[in-house]
PDB file of N, CA and C in Angstrom:
ATOM      1  N   MET A   1       0.438  29.542   0.758  1.00  0.00           N
ATOM      2  CA  MET A   1       1.820  28.092   0.750  1.00  0.00           C
ATOM      3  C   MET A   1       1.541  27.081   1.404  1.00  0.00           C
ATOM      4  N   THR A   2       2.087  26.214   0.611  1.00  0.00           N
ATOM      5  CA  THR A   2       2.079  24.987   0.915  1.00  0.00           C
ATOM      6  C   THR A   2       2.383  24.203   2.172  1.00  0.00           C
ATOM      7  N   LYS A   3       2.050  23.603   3.084  1.00  0.00           N
ATOM      8  CA  LYS A   3       2.904  23.153   4.336  1.00  0.00           C
ATOM      9  C   LYS A   3       4.007  22.384   3.796  1.00  0.00           C
ATOM     10  N   ARG A   4       4.949  22.192   4.684  1.00  0.00           N
ATOM     11  CA  ARG A   4       6.364  21.415   5.034  1.00  0.00           C
ATOM     12  C   ARG A   4       6.135  20.692   6.094  1.00  0.00           C
ATOM     13  N   ILE A   5       6.472  19.136   5.891  1.00  0.00           N
ATOM     14  CA  ILE A   5       6.698  18.261   6.711  1.00  0.00           C
ATOM     15  C   ILE A   5       7.263  17.408   7.003  1.00  0.00           C
ATOM     16  N   LEU A   6       8.193  17.178   7.844  1.00  0.00           N
ATOM     17  CA  LEU A   6       9.198  16.158   8.290  1.00  0.00           C
ATOM     18  C   LEU A   6       9.061  14.928   8.847  1.00  0.00           C
ATOM     19  N   ILE A   7       9.169  14.012   7.904  1.00  0.00           N
ATOM     20  CA  ILE A   7       9.041  12.672   8.191  1.00  0.00           C
ATOM     21  C   ILE A   7      10.044  11.898   8.971  1.00  0.00           C
ATOM     22  N   VAL A   8      10.173  11.514  10.595  1.00  0.00           N
ATOM     23  CA  VAL A   8      11.361  11.250  10.833  1.00  0.00           C
ATOM     24  C   VAL A   8      10.829   9.931  11.531  1.00  0.00           C
ATOM     25  N   ASP A   9      11.938   8.601  10.403  1.00  0.00           N
ATOM     26  CA  ASP A   9      11.188   7.365  10.577  1.00  0.00           C
ATOM     27  C   ASP A   9      12.420   6.349  10.109  1.00  0.00           C
ATOM     28  N   ASP A  10      12.897   5.592  11.120  1.00  0.00           N
ATOM     29  CA  ASP A  10      13.952   4.382  10.451  1.00  0.00           C
ATOM     30  C   ASP A  10      14.009   3.489   9.226  1.00  0.00           C
ATOM     31  N   GLU A  11      12.605   3.217   9.187  1.00  0.00           N
ATOM     32  CA  GLU A  11      12.143   2.386   7.839  1.00  0.00           C
ATOM     33  C   GLU A  11      11.472   3.043   6.689  1.00  0.00           C
ATOM     34  N   GLU A  12      12.842   2.636   5.730  1.00  0.00           N
ATOM     35  CA  GLU A  12      12.733   3.704   4.718  1.00  0.00           C
ATOM     36  C   GLU A  12      11.051   3.289   4.297  1.00  0.00           C
ATOM     37  N   ALA A  13      10.181   2.417   4.373  1.00  0.00           N
ATOM     38  CA  ALA A  13       9.354   1.935   3.804  1.00  0.00           C
ATOM     39  C   ALA A  13       7.677   2.992   4.099  1.00  0.00           C
ATOM     40  N   ILE A  14       8.322   3.120   5.350  1.00  0.00           N
ATOM     41  CA  ILE A  14       7.500   3.481   5.807  1.00  0.00           C
ATOM     42  C   ILE A  14       7.561   5.063   5.595  1.00  0.00           C
ATOM     43  N   ARG A  15       8.490   5.858   5.461  1.00  0.00           N
ATOM     44  CA  ARG A  15       8.906   7.224   5.279  1.00  0.00           C
ATOM     45  C   ARG A  15       8.681   7.399   3.620  1.00  0.00           C
ATOM     46  N   GLU A  16       8.695   6.146   2.701  1.00  0.00           N
ATOM     47  CA  GLU A  16       8.116   6.586   1.210  1.00  0.00           C
ATOM     48  C   GLU A  16       6.513   6.431   1.218  1.00  0.00           C
ATOM     49  N   LEU A  17       5.900   5.659   2.089  1.00  0.00           N
ATOM     50  CA  LEU A  17       4.320   5.305   2.023  1.00  0.00           C
ATOM     51  C   LEU A  17       3.923   7.003   2.511  1.00  0.00           C
ATOM     52  N   ALA A  18       4.566   7.324   3.757  1.00  0.00           N
ATOM     53  CA  ALA A  18       4.101   8.213   4.602  1.00  0.00           C
ATOM     54  C   ALA A  18       4.473   9.883   3.620  1.00  0.00           C
ATOM     55  N   CYS A  19       5.455   9.875   2.693  1.00  0.00           N
ATOM     56  CA  CYS A  19       6.138  10.950   1.907  1.00  0.00           C
ATOM     57  C   CYS A  19       4.681  10.853   0.564  1.00  0.00           C
ATOM     58  N   ALA A  20       4.462   9.457   0.280  1.00  0.00           N
ATOM     59  CA  ALA A  20       3.591   9.276  -1.123  1.00  0.00           C
ATOM     60  C   ALA A  20       2.608   9.831  -0.283  1.00  0.00           C
ATOM     61  N   CYS A  21       1.372   9.384   0.557  1.00  0.00           N
ATOM     62  CA  CYS A  21       0.275   9.905   1.033  1.00  0.00           C
ATOM     63  C   CYS A  21       0.444  11.366   1.311  1.00  0.00           C
ATOM     64  N   LEU A  22       1.100  11.638   2.091  1.00  0.00           N
ATOM     65  CA  LEU A  22       1.016  13.478   2.958  1.00  0.00           C
ATOM     66  C   LEU A  22       1.582  14.318   1.356  1.00  0.00           C
ATOM     67  N   GLU A  23       2.222  14.072   0.184  1.00  0.00           N
ATOM     68  CA  GLU A  23       2.321  14.855  -0.679  1.00  0.00           C
ATOM     69  C   GLU A  23       0.913  14.424  -1.644  1.00  0.00           C
ATOM     70  N   ASP A  24       0.267  13.173  -1.967  1.00  0.00           N
ATOM     71  CA  ASP A  24      -0.771  13.150  -3.499  1.00  0.00           C
ATOM     72  C   ASP A  24      -1.931  13.438  -2.865  1.00  0.00           C
ATOM     73  N   LEU A  25      -2.470  13.215  -1.152  1.00  0.00           N
ATOM     74  CA  LEU A  25      -3.697  13.085  -1.034  1.00  0.00           C
ATOM     75  C   LEU A  25      -3.535  14.736  -0.206  1.00  0.00           C
ATOM     76  N   GLY A  26      -2.511  15.031   0.455  1.00  0.00           N
ATOM     77  CA  GLY A  26      -2.307  16.237   1.524  1.00  0.00           C
ATOM     78  C   GLY A  26      -2.424  17.360   0.790  1.00  0.00           C
ATOM     79  N   GLY A  27      -1.643  17.355  -0.645  1.00  0.00           N
ATOM     80  CA  GLY A  27      -0.593  18.105  -0.927  1.00  0.00           C
ATOM     81  C   GLY A  27       0.653  19.103  -0.761  1.00  0.00           C
ATOM     82  N   TRP A  28       0.768  18.208   0.490  1.00  0.00           N
ATOM     83  CA  TRP A  28       2.161  18.885   1.423  1.00  0.00           C
ATOM     84  C   TRP A  28       3.155  18.260   0.719  1.00  0.00           C
ATOM     85  N   GLU A  29       4.158  19.351   0.697  1.00  0.00           N
ATOM     86  CA  GLU A  29       5.890  19.108   0.690  1.00  0.00           C
ATOM     87  C   GLU A  29       6.139  18.223   1.992  1.00  0.00           C
ATOM     88  N   THR A  30       6.871  16.996   1.356  1.00  0.00           N
ATOM     89  CA  THR A  30       7.585  16.686   2.713  1.00  0.00           C
ATOM     90  C   THR A  30       9.056  16.628   2.664  1.00  0.00           C
ATOM     91  N   ILE A  31       9.942  16.438   4.113  1.00  0.00           N
ATOM     92  CA  ILE A  31      11.285  15.994   4.029  1.00  0.00           C
ATOM     93  C   ILE A  31      11.336  14.805   4.364  1.00  0.00           C
ATOM     94  N   VAL A  32      12.604  14.418   4.444  1.00  0.00           N
ATOM     95  CA  VAL A  32      12.447  12.727   5.181  1.00  0.00           C
ATOM     96  C   VAL A  32      13.648  12.681   6.409  1.00  0.00           C
ATOM     97  N   ALA A  33      13.890  12.226   6.924  1.00  0.00           N
ATOM     98  CA  ALA A  33      15.070  11.959   7.705  1.00  0.00           C
ATOM     99  C   ALA A  33      14.922  10.423   8.366  1.00  0.00           C
ATOM    100  N   ALA A  34      15.601   9.535   8.117  1.00  0.00           N
ATOM    101  CA  ALA A  34      16.040   8.381   8.370  1.00  0.00           C
ATOM    102  C   ALA A  34      16.584   7.959  10.512  1.00  0.00           C
ATOM    103  N   SER A  35      16.591   8.947  10.951  1.00  0.00           N
ATOM    104  CA  SER A  35      17.270   9.356  12.239  1.00  0.00           C
ATOM    105  C   SER A  35      16.913  10.455  13.049  1.00  0.00           C
ATOM    106  N   GLY A  36      16.861  10.108  14.538  1.00  0.00           N
ATOM    107  CA  GLY A  36      16.505  11.183  15.343  1.00  0.00           C
ATOM    108  C   GLY A  36      17.493  12.582  14.581  1.00  0.00           C
ATOM    109  N   ARG A  37      18.821  12.352  14.522  1.00  0.00           N
ATOM    110  CA  ARG A  37      19.705  12.947  14.430  1.00  0.00           C
ATOM    111  C   ARG A  37      19.643  13.942  13.114  1.00  0.00           C
ATOM    112  N   GLU A  38      19.431  13.212  12.991  1.00  0.00           N
ATOM    113  CA  GLU A  38      19.386  13.423  11.286  1.00  0.00           C
ATOM    114  C   GLU A  38      18.162  14.271  11.053  1.00  0.00           C
ATOM    115  N   GLY A  39      17.423  14.460  11.871  1.00  0.00           N
ATOM    116  CA  GLY A  39      15.334  14.524  11.930  1.00  0.00           C
ATOM    117  C   GLY A  39      16.033  16.229  12.443  1.00  0.00           C
ATOM    118  N   LEU A  40      16.780  16.333  13.666  1.00  0.00           N
ATOM    119  CA  LEU A  40      16.748  17.822  14.122  1.00  0.00           C
ATOM    120  C   LEU A  40      17.916  18.642  13.542  1.00  0.00           C
ATOM    121  N   PHE A  41      18.818  17.941  12.774  1.00  0.00           N
ATOM    122  CA  PHE A  41      19.647  18.635  11.749  1.00  0.00           C
ATOM    123  C   PHE A  41      18.468  19.567  10.789  1.00  0.00           C
ATOM    124  N   LYS A  42      17.464  18.987   9.883  1.00  0.00           N
ATOM    125  CA  LYS A  42      16.992  19.392   9.588  1.00  0.00           C
ATOM    126  C   LYS A  42      15.849  20.042  10.232  1.00  0.00           C
ATOM    127  N   ALA A  43      15.453  19.989  11.173  1.00  0.00           N
ATOM    128  CA  ALA A  43      14.217  20.335  11.811  1.00  0.00           C
ATOM    129  C   ALA A  43      14.902  22.394  11.847  1.00  0.00           C
ATOM    130  N   ALA A  44      16.150  22.465  12.193  1.00  0.00           N
ATOM    131  CA  ALA A  44      16.975  23.706  12.370  1.00  0.00           C
ATOM    132  C   ALA A  44      17.235  23.978  11.455  1.00  0.00           C
ATOM    133  N   GLU A  45      17.511  23.068  10.272  1.00  0.00           N
ATOM    134  CA  GLU A  45      17.655  23.959   8.775  1.00  0.00           C
ATOM    135  C   GLU A  45      16.511  23.953   7.975  1.00  0.00           C
ATOM    136  N   THR A  46      15.254  23.447   7.817  1.00  0.00           N
ATOM    137  CA  THR A  46      14.640  23.957   7.548  1.00  0.00           C
ATOM    138  C   THR A  46      13.035  24.670   7.839  1.00  0.00           C
ATOM    139  N   PRO A  47      12.977  25.857   7.610  1.00  0.00           N
ATOM    140  CA  PRO A  47      11.320  26.060   8.498  1.00  0.00           C
ATOM    141  C   PRO A  47      10.072  24.841   7.911  1.00  0.00           C
ATOM    142  N   LEU A  48       9.816  24.278   9.066  1.00  0.00           N
ATOM    143  CA  LEU A  48       8.605  23.543   9.266  1.00  0.00           C
ATOM    144  C   LEU A  48       7.277  23.855   9.432  1.00  0.00           C
ATOM    145  N   ASP A  49       6.660  23.003   8.782  1.00  0.00           N
ATOM    146  CA  ASP A  49       4.912  23.014   9.891  1.00  0.00           C
ATOM    147  C   ASP A  49       4.755  21.942  10.452  1.00  0.00           C
ATOM    148  N   ALA A  50       5.210  20.962  10.460  1.00  0.00           N
ATOM    149  CA  ALA A  50       4.869  19.738  11.385  1.00  0.00           C
ATOM    150  C   ALA A  50       6.289  18.516  11.329  1.00  0.00           C
ATOM    151  N   ILE A  51       5.823  17.727  12.513  1.00  0.00           N
ATOM    152  CA  ILE A  51       7.031  16.479  12.508  1.00  0.00           C
ATOM    153  C   ILE A  51       6.017  15.738  12.512  1.00  0.00           C
ATOM    154  N   LEU A  52       6.366  14.829  12.286  1.00  0.00           N
ATOM    155  CA  LEU A  52       5.701  13.247  11.897  1.00  0.00           C
ATOM    156  C   LEU A  52       7.072  12.545  12.551  1.00  0.00           C
ATOM    157  N   LEU A  53       6.971  12.113  13.876  1.00  0.00           N
ATOM    158  CA  LEU A  53       7.899  11.585  14.255  1.00  0.00           C
ATOM    159  C   LEU A  53       7.891   9.713  15.070  1.00  0.00           C
ATOM    160  N   ASP A  54       8.483   8.764  14.532  1.00  0.00           N
ATOM    161  CA  ASP A  54       8.435   7.771  14.725  1.00  0.00           C
ATOM    162  C   ASP A  54       8.865   7.707  16.479  1.00  0.00           C
ATOM    163  N   VAL A  55       8.193   6.518  17.214  1.00  0.00           N
ATOM    164  CA  VAL A  55       8.967   6.892  18.774  1.00  0.00           C
ATOM    165  C   VAL A  55      10.250   5.585  18.791  1.00  0.00           C
ATOM    166  N   SER A  56       9.603   4.909  18.063  1.00  0.00           N
ATOM    167  CA  SER A  56      10.775   3.364  18.150  1.00  0.00           C
ATOM    168  C   SER A  56      11.508   3.367  17.280  1.00  0.00           C
ATOM    169  N   MET A  57      13.053   3.938  17.421  1.00  0.00           N
ATOM    170  CA  MET A  57      14.250   4.090  16.768  1.00  0.00           C
ATOM    171  C   MET A  57      15.324   3.689  17.281  1.00  0.00           C
ATOM    172  N   PRO A  58      16.316   3.215  16.494  1.00  0.00           N
ATOM    173  CA  PRO A  58      17.645   2.918  17.208  1.00  0.00           C
ATOM    174  C   PRO A  58      18.075   4.320  17.773  1.00  0.00           C
ATOM    175  N   GLU A  59      19.029   4.202  18.212  1.00  0.00           N
ATOM    176  CA  GLU A  59      20.065   5.211  18.586  1.00  0.00           C
ATOM    177  C   GLU A  59      19.316   6.780  19.376  1.00  0.00           C
ATOM    178  N   MET A  60      18.480   7.314  18.874  1.00  0.00           N
ATOM    179  CA  MET A  60      17.861   8.252  19.244  1.00  0.00           C
ATOM    180  C   MET A  60      16.399   8.330  19.048  1.00  0.00           C
ATOM    181  N   ASP A  61      16.034   7.787  20.308  1.00  0.00           N
ATOM    182  CA  ASP A  61      14.173   7.454  19.689  1.00  0.00           C
ATOM    183  C   ASP A  61      13.695   8.986  19.685  1.00  0.00           C
ATOM    184  N   GLY A  62      12.244   8.355  19.261  1.00  0.00           N
ATOM    185  CA  GLY A  62      11.043   9.722  19.475  1.00  0.00           C
ATOM    186  C   GLY A  62      11.155  10.409  20.874  1.00  0.00           C
ATOM    187  N   PHE A  63      11.442   9.402  21.952  1.00  0.00           N
ATOM    188  CA  PHE A  63      11.514  10.698  23.314  1.00  0.00           C
ATOM    189  C   PHE A  63      11.937  11.534  23.293  1.00  0.00           C
ATOM    190  N   HIS A  64      13.572  11.156  23.016  1.00  0.00           N
ATOM    191  CA  HIS A  64      14.601  11.826  23.234  1.00  0.00           C
ATOM    192  C   HIS A  64      14.542  12.823  22.080  1.00  0.00           C
ATOM    193  N   PHE A  65      14.245  12.940  20.871  1.00  0.00           N
ATOM    194  CA  PHE A  65      14.315  13.997  20.057  1.00  0.00           C
ATOM    195  C   PHE A  65      13.461  14.872  20.184  1.00  0.00           C
ATOM    196  N   PHE A  66      12.176  14.623  20.696  1.00  0.00           N
ATOM    197  CA  PHE A  66      10.740  15.359  21.334  1.00  0.00           C
ATOM    198  C   PHE A  66      11.488  16.502  22.625  1.00  0.00           C
ATOM    199  N   THR A  67      12.427  15.958  23.328  1.00  0.00           N
ATOM    200  CA  THR A  67      13.289  16.768  24.331  1.00  0.00           C
ATOM    201  C   THR A  67      14.694  17.646  23.562  1.00  0.00           C
ATOM    202  N   GLU A  68      15.139  17.202  23.031  1.00  0.00           N
ATOM    203  CA  GLU A  68      15.806  18.198  22.461  1.00  0.00           C
ATOM    204  C   GLU A  68      15.504  18.596  21.927  1.00  0.00           C
ATOM    205  N   LEU A  69      14.108  18.758  20.831  1.00  0.00           N
ATOM    206  CA  LEU A  69      13.560  19.476  19.917  1.00  0.00           C
ATOM    207  C   LEU A  69      13.154  20.540  21.187  1.00  0.00           C
ATOM    208  N   GLN A  70      12.336  20.501  22.564  1.00  0.00           N
ATOM    209  CA  GLN A  70      11.663  20.858  23.224  1.00  0.00           C
ATOM    210  C   GLN A  70      13.202  21.925  23.940  1.00  0.00           C
ATOM    211  N   ASP A  71      14.182  21.800  24.068  1.00  0.00           N
ATOM    212  CA  ASP A  71      15.225  22.348  24.303  1.00  0.00           C
ATOM    213  C   ASP A  71      15.661  23.512  23.609  1.00  0.00           C
ATOM    214  N   ASN A  72      15.001  23.558  22.072  1.00  0.00           N
ATOM    215  CA  ASN A  72      15.967  24.332  21.087  1.00  0.00           C
ATOM    216  C   ASN A  72      15.060  25.916  20.648  1.00  0.00           C
ATOM    217  N   PRO A  73      15.188  26.503  21.159  1.00  0.00           N
ATOM    218  CA  PRO A  73      14.146  27.652  21.241  1.00  0.00           C
ATOM    219  C   PRO A  73      13.660  28.013  19.945  1.00  0.00           C
ATOM    220  N   ALA A  74      14.673  27.890  18.717  1.00  0.00           N
ATOM    221  CA  ALA A  74      14.072  27.928  17.650  1.00  0.00           C
ATOM    222  C   ALA A  74      13.064  27.277  16.881  1.00  0.00           C
ATOM    223  N   ILE A  75      13.328  26.141  17.270  1.00  0.00           N
ATOM    224  CA  ILE A  75      12.508  24.769  16.652  1.00  0.00           C
ATOM    225  C   ILE A  75      11.156  24.003  17.829  1.00  0.00           C
ATOM    226  N   GLN A  76      11.058  24.980  18.730  1.00  0.00           N
ATOM    227  CA  GLN A  76      10.535  23.921  19.629  1.00  0.00           C
ATOM    228  C   GLN A  76       8.962  24.433  19.703  1.00  0.00           C
ATOM    229  N   ALA A  77       8.403  25.278  18.966  1.00  0.00           N
ATOM    230  CA  ALA A  77       7.373  24.931  18.159  1.00  0.00           C
ATOM    231  C   ALA A  77       6.608  24.684  17.678  1.00  0.00           C
ATOM    232  N   ILE A  78       7.226  23.458  16.765  1.00  0.00           N
ATOM    233  CA  ILE A  78       7.066  22.898  15.282  1.00  0.00           C
ATOM    234  C   ILE A  78       6.233  22.049  16.174  1.00  0.00           C
ATOM    235  N   PRO A  79       4.687  21.754  15.724  1.00  0.00           N
ATOM    236  CA  PRO A  79       4.351  20.730  16.096  1.00  0.00           C
ATOM    237  C   PRO A  79       4.409  19.471  15.736  1.00  0.00           C
ATOM    238  N   VAL A  80       4.268  18.526  17.014  1.00  0.00           N
ATOM    239  CA  VAL A  80       4.583  17.500  16.620  1.00  0.00           C
ATOM    240  C   VAL A  80       3.785  15.890  17.068  1.00  0.00           C
ATOM    241  N   ILE A  81       3.687  15.260  15.872  1.00  0.00           N
ATOM    242  CA  ILE A  81       2.831  13.928  15.860  1.00  0.00           C
ATOM    243  C   ILE A  81       3.524  12.729  16.052  1.00  0.00           C
ATOM    244  N   LEU A  82       3.500  11.874  17.184  1.00  0.00           N
ATOM    245  CA  LEU A  82       4.157  10.831  16.781  1.00  0.00           C
ATOM    246  C   LEU A  82       3.500   9.821  16.278  1.00  0.00           C
ATOM    247  N   LEU A  83       4.460   9.003  15.464  1.00  0.00           N
ATOM    248  CA  LEU A  83       3.370   7.617  14.804  1.00  0.00           C
ATOM    249  C   LEU A  83       4.678   6.416  15.639  1.00  0.00           C
ATOM    250  N   THR A  84       3.134   5.713  16.038  1.00  0.00           N
ATOM    251  CA  THR A  84       4.249   4.677  16.952  1.00  0.00           C
ATOM    252  C   THR A  84       3.028   3.272  16.720  1.00  0.00           C
ATOM    253  N   ALA A  85       3.545   2.765  17.122  1.00  0.00           N
ATOM    254  CA  ALA A  85       2.975   1.051  17.188  1.00  0.00           C
ATOM    255  C   ALA A  85       2.385   1.021  18.934  1.00  0.00           C
ATOM    256  N   LYS A  86       3.006   1.870  19.568  1.00  0.00           N
ATOM    257  CA  LYS A  86       2.842   1.729  21.140  1.00  0.00           C
ATOM    258  C   LYS A  86       1.893   2.622  21.444  1.00  0.00           C
ATOM    259  N   VAL A  87       0.437   1.749  21.470  1.00  0.00           N
ATOM    260  CA  VAL A  87      -0.397   2.678  22.097  1.00  0.00           C
ATOM    261  C   VAL A  87      -1.224   2.323  23.106  1.00  0.00           C
ATOM    262  N   LEU A  88      -0.417   1.792  24.510  1.00  0.00           N
ATOM    263  CA  LEU A  88      -0.837   1.356  25.513  1.00  0.00           C
ATOM    264  C   LEU A  88      -0.972   2.962  26.660  1.00  0.00           C
ATOM    265  N   ALA A  89      -2.707   2.379  27.156  1.00  0.00           N
ATOM    266  CA  ALA A  89      -3.135   3.426  28.035  1.00  0.00           C
ATOM    267  C   ALA A  89      -2.444   4.311  28.278  1.00  0.00           C
ATOM    268  N   ASP A  90      -0.976   4.026  29.254  1.00  0.00           N
ATOM    269  CA  ASP A  90      -0.172   4.436  29.975  1.00  0.00           C
ATOM    270  C   ASP A  90       1.008   5.422  29.043  1.00  0.00           C
ATOM    271  N   ASP A  91       0.531   4.782  27.496  1.00  0.00           N
ATOM    272  CA  ASP A  91       1.404   5.390  26.282  1.00  0.00           C
ATOM    273  C   ASP A  91       0.957   6.874  26.193  1.00  0.00           C
ATOM    274  N   ARG A  92      -0.546   6.390  26.180  1.00  0.00           N
ATOM    275  CA  ARG A  92      -1.594   7.890  25.566  1.00  0.00           C
ATOM    276  C   ARG A  92      -0.899   8.607  27.062  1.00  0.00           C
ATOM    277  N   ALA A  93      -1.204   8.783  27.593  1.00  0.00           N
ATOM    278  CA  ALA A  93      -1.111   9.591  29.132  1.00  0.00           C
ATOM    279  C   ALA A  93       0.462  10.082  29.173  1.00  0.00           C
ATOM    280  N   GLN A  94       1.041   9.533  29.391  1.00  0.00           N
ATOM    281  CA  GLN A  94       2.859  10.148  28.467  1.00  0.00           C
ATOM    282  C   GLN A  94       2.779  10.698  27.466  1.00  0.00           C
ATOM    283  N   PHE A  95       2.367  10.569  26.158  1.00  0.00           N
ATOM    284  CA  PHE A  95       2.099  11.630  25.394  1.00  0.00           C
ATOM    285  C   PHE A  95       1.837  12.647  25.172  1.00  0.00           C
ATOM    286  N   ALA A  96       0.186  12.334  25.965  1.00  0.00           N
ATOM    287  CA  ALA A  96      -0.295  13.824  26.584  1.00  0.00           C
ATOM    288  C   ALA A  96       0.168  14.797  27.325  1.00  0.00           C
ATOM    289  N   GLN A  97       1.077  13.981  28.295  1.00  0.00           N
ATOM    290  CA  GLN A  97       1.916  15.196  28.902  1.00  0.00           C
ATOM    291  C   GLN A  97       2.711  15.716  28.684  1.00  0.00           C
ATOM    292  N   MET A  98       3.373  14.869  27.626  1.00  0.00           N
ATOM    293  CA  MET A  98       4.850  15.811  27.076  1.00  0.00           C
ATOM    294  C   MET A  98       4.437  16.836  25.790  1.00  0.00           C
ATOM    295  N   GLY A  99       3.071  17.209  25.524  1.00  0.00           N
ATOM    296  CA  GLY A  99       2.962  18.255  24.770  1.00  0.00           C
ATOM    297  C   GLY A  99       2.458  17.902  23.060  1.00  0.00           C
ATOM    298  N   VAL A 100       2.860  16.988  22.849  1.00  0.00           N
ATOM    299  CA  VAL A 100       2.483  16.288  20.966  1.00  0.00           C
ATOM    300  C   VAL A 100       1.698  17.072  20.802  1.00  0.00           C
ATOM    301  N   ALA A 101       1.187  17.086  19.605  1.00  0.00           N
ATOM    302  CA  ALA A 101       0.544  17.586  18.829  1.00  0.00           C
ATOM    303  C   ALA A 101      -0.987  16.322  18.626  1.00  0.00           C
ATOM    304  N   GLY A 102       0.006  15.117  18.811  1.00  0.00           N
ATOM    305  CA  GLY A 102      -1.281  14.061  18.554  1.00  0.00           C
ATOM    306  C   GLY A 102      -0.310  12.669  18.326  1.00  0.00           C
ATOM    307  N   VAL A 103      -1.447  11.765  18.133  1.00  0.00           N
ATOM    308  CA  VAL A 103      -0.586  10.425  17.818  1.00  0.00           C
ATOM    309  C   VAL A 103      -1.437   9.400  16.813  1.00  0.00           C
ATOM    310  N   ILE A 104      -0.522   9.100  16.059  1.00  0.00           N
ATOM    311  CA  ILE A 104      -0.877   7.950  14.973  1.00  0.00           C
ATOM    312  C   ILE A 104      -0.408   7.169  15.384  1.00  0.00           C
ATOM    313  N   THR A 105      -1.062   6.158  14.988  1.00  0.00           N
ATOM    314  CA  THR A 105      -0.644   4.628  15.371  1.00  0.00           C
ATOM    315  C   THR A 105      -0.929   3.811  13.962  1.00  0.00           C
ATOM    316  N   LYS A 106       0.579   2.774  14.168  1.00  0.00           N
ATOM    317  CA  LYS A 106       0.925   2.259  12.891  1.00  0.00           C
ATOM    318  C   LYS A 106       0.502   1.085  13.309  1.00  0.00           C
ATOM    319  N   PRO A 107       0.086   0.214  12.121  1.00  0.00           N
ATOM    320  CA  PRO A 107      -0.337   0.336  10.593  1.00  0.00           C
ATOM    321  C   PRO A 107      -1.167   1.410  10.811  1.00  0.00           C
ATOM    322  N   PHE A 108      -0.452   2.485  10.065  1.00  0.00           N
ATOM    323  CA  PHE A 108      -1.604   3.565   9.393  1.00  0.00           C
ATOM    324  C   PHE A 108      -2.272   3.207   8.387  1.00  0.00           C
ATOM    325  N   ASP A 109      -3.696   3.528   7.950  1.00  0.00           N
ATOM    326  CA  ASP A 109      -4.076   3.739   6.390  1.00  0.00           C
ATOM    327  C   ASP A 109      -3.727   4.866   5.509  1.00  0.00           C
ATOM    328  N   PRO A 110      -2.856   4.311   4.763  1.00  0.00           N
ATOM    329  CA  PRO A 110      -2.415   5.182   3.808  1.00  0.00           C
ATOM    330  C   PRO A 110      -2.952   6.227   3.462  1.00  0.00           C
ATOM    331  N   VAL A 111      -4.574   6.257   3.030  1.00  0.00           N
ATOM    332  CA  VAL A 111      -5.497   7.216   2.494  1.00  0.00           C
ATOM    333  C   VAL A 111      -6.412   8.056   3.392  1.00  0.00           C
ATOM    334  N   GLU A 112      -5.860   7.346   5.022  1.00  0.00           N
ATOM    335  CA  GLU A 112      -6.529   8.751   5.773  1.00  0.00           C
ATOM    336  C   GLU A 112      -5.371   9.465   6.394  1.00  0.00           C
ATOM    337  N   LEU A 113      -3.838   9.020   6.256  1.00  0.00           N
ATOM    338  CA  LEU A 113      -2.773   9.581   6.752  1.00  0.00           C
ATOM    339  C   LEU A 113      -2.884  11.064   6.451  1.00  0.00           C
ATOM    340  N   SER A 114      -3.129  11.510   5.521  1.00  0.00           N
ATOM    341  CA  SER A 114      -3.424  13.107   5.664  1.00  0.00           C
ATOM    342  C   SER A 114      -4.545  13.831   6.076  1.00  0.00           C
ATOM    343  N   GLU A 115      -5.531  13.293   6.287  1.00  0.00           N
ATOM    344  CA  GLU A 115      -7.093  13.450   6.708  1.00  0.00           C
ATOM    345  C   GLU A 115      -6.900  13.663   8.641  1.00  0.00           C
ATOM    346  N   GLN A 116      -5.350  12.284   8.931  1.00  0.00           N
ATOM    347  CA  GLN A 116      -5.411  12.346  10.299  1.00  0.00           C
ATOM    348  C   GLN A 116      -4.984  13.575  11.260  1.00  0.00           C
ATOM    349  N   VAL A 117      -3.510  13.818   9.775  1.00  0.00           N
ATOM    350  CA  VAL A 117      -2.734  14.841  10.128  1.00  0.00           C
ATOM    351  C   VAL A 117      -3.737  16.645  10.236  1.00  0.00           C
ATOM    352  N   ALA A 118      -4.124  16.521   8.956  1.00  0.00           N
ATOM    353  CA  ALA A 118      -4.602  17.809   9.029  1.00  0.00           C
ATOM    354  C   ALA A 118      -6.287  17.904  10.449  1.00  0.00           C
ATOM    355  N   GLU A 119      -6.543  16.689  11.111  1.00  0.00           N
ATOM    356  CA  GLU A 119      -7.301  17.120  11.657  1.00  0.00           C
ATOM    357  C   GLU A 119      -6.601  17.036  12.910  1.00  0.00           C
ATOM    358  N   ILE A 120      -5.722  16.821  13.223  1.00  0.00           N
ATOM    359  CA  ILE A 120      -4.988  17.149  14.647  1.00  0.00           C
ATOM    360  C   ILE A 120      -4.075  18.208  14.587  1.00  0.00           C
ATOM    361  N   LEU A 121      -3.550  19.157  13.120  1.00  0.00           N
ATOM    362  CA  LEU A 121      -3.226  20.296  13.039  1.00  0.00           C
ATOM    363  C   LEU A 121      -4.039  21.499  12.813  1.00  0.00           C
ATOM    364  N   GLY A 122      -5.202  21.099  12.694  1.00  0.00           N
ATOM    365  CA  GLY A 122      -6.544  21.849  12.463  1.00  0.00           C
ATOM    366  C   GLY A 122      -5.963  22.918  11.323  1.00  0.00           C
ATOM    367  N   TRP A 123      -5.749  21.624   9.860  1.00  0.00           N
ATOM    368  CA  TRP A 123      -5.332  21.928   8.727  1.00  0.00           C
ATOM    369  C   TRP A 123      -6.348  22.073   7.940  1.00  0.00           C
ATOM    370  N   SER A 124      -7.050  22.481   6.193  1.00  0.00           N
ATOM    371  CA  SER A 124      -7.504  22.104   5.773  1.00  0.00           C
ATOM    372  C   SER A 124      -6.766  20.821   4.519  1.00  0.00           C
ATOM    373  N   VAL A 125      -7.218  19.984   3.977  1.00  0.00           N
ATOM    374  CA  VAL A 125      -7.002  18.981   3.042  1.00  0.00           C
ATOM    375  C   VAL A 125      -7.252  19.592   1.441  1.00  0.00           C
TER     376      VAL A 125
END
């Protein structure tokens, strides 16, 4: 069965690039959300295997999204990979304490994105 990944990012170009990479190179189905609120709605409405989540978004950032996801027993088990340009040592420690599956830094290499996701989640490509 094909894996389904939700991409939550406020930048349309990033969403489109990530979708193309994950679909064409990973062979997975993607769903997109342009905001944290939309992402939470889609996570609750659609069975997902993972979420690729931008940290810096207006209105609801990735940290707030992750907290709300964790507060919902129906969707809290979905693995989350943070997509962020913020990768200071303190940030990595905070990400690890949060319990996210992993972190991919922006800008990411489009050719390697599906391999990075697969490695973090233990999937085959």
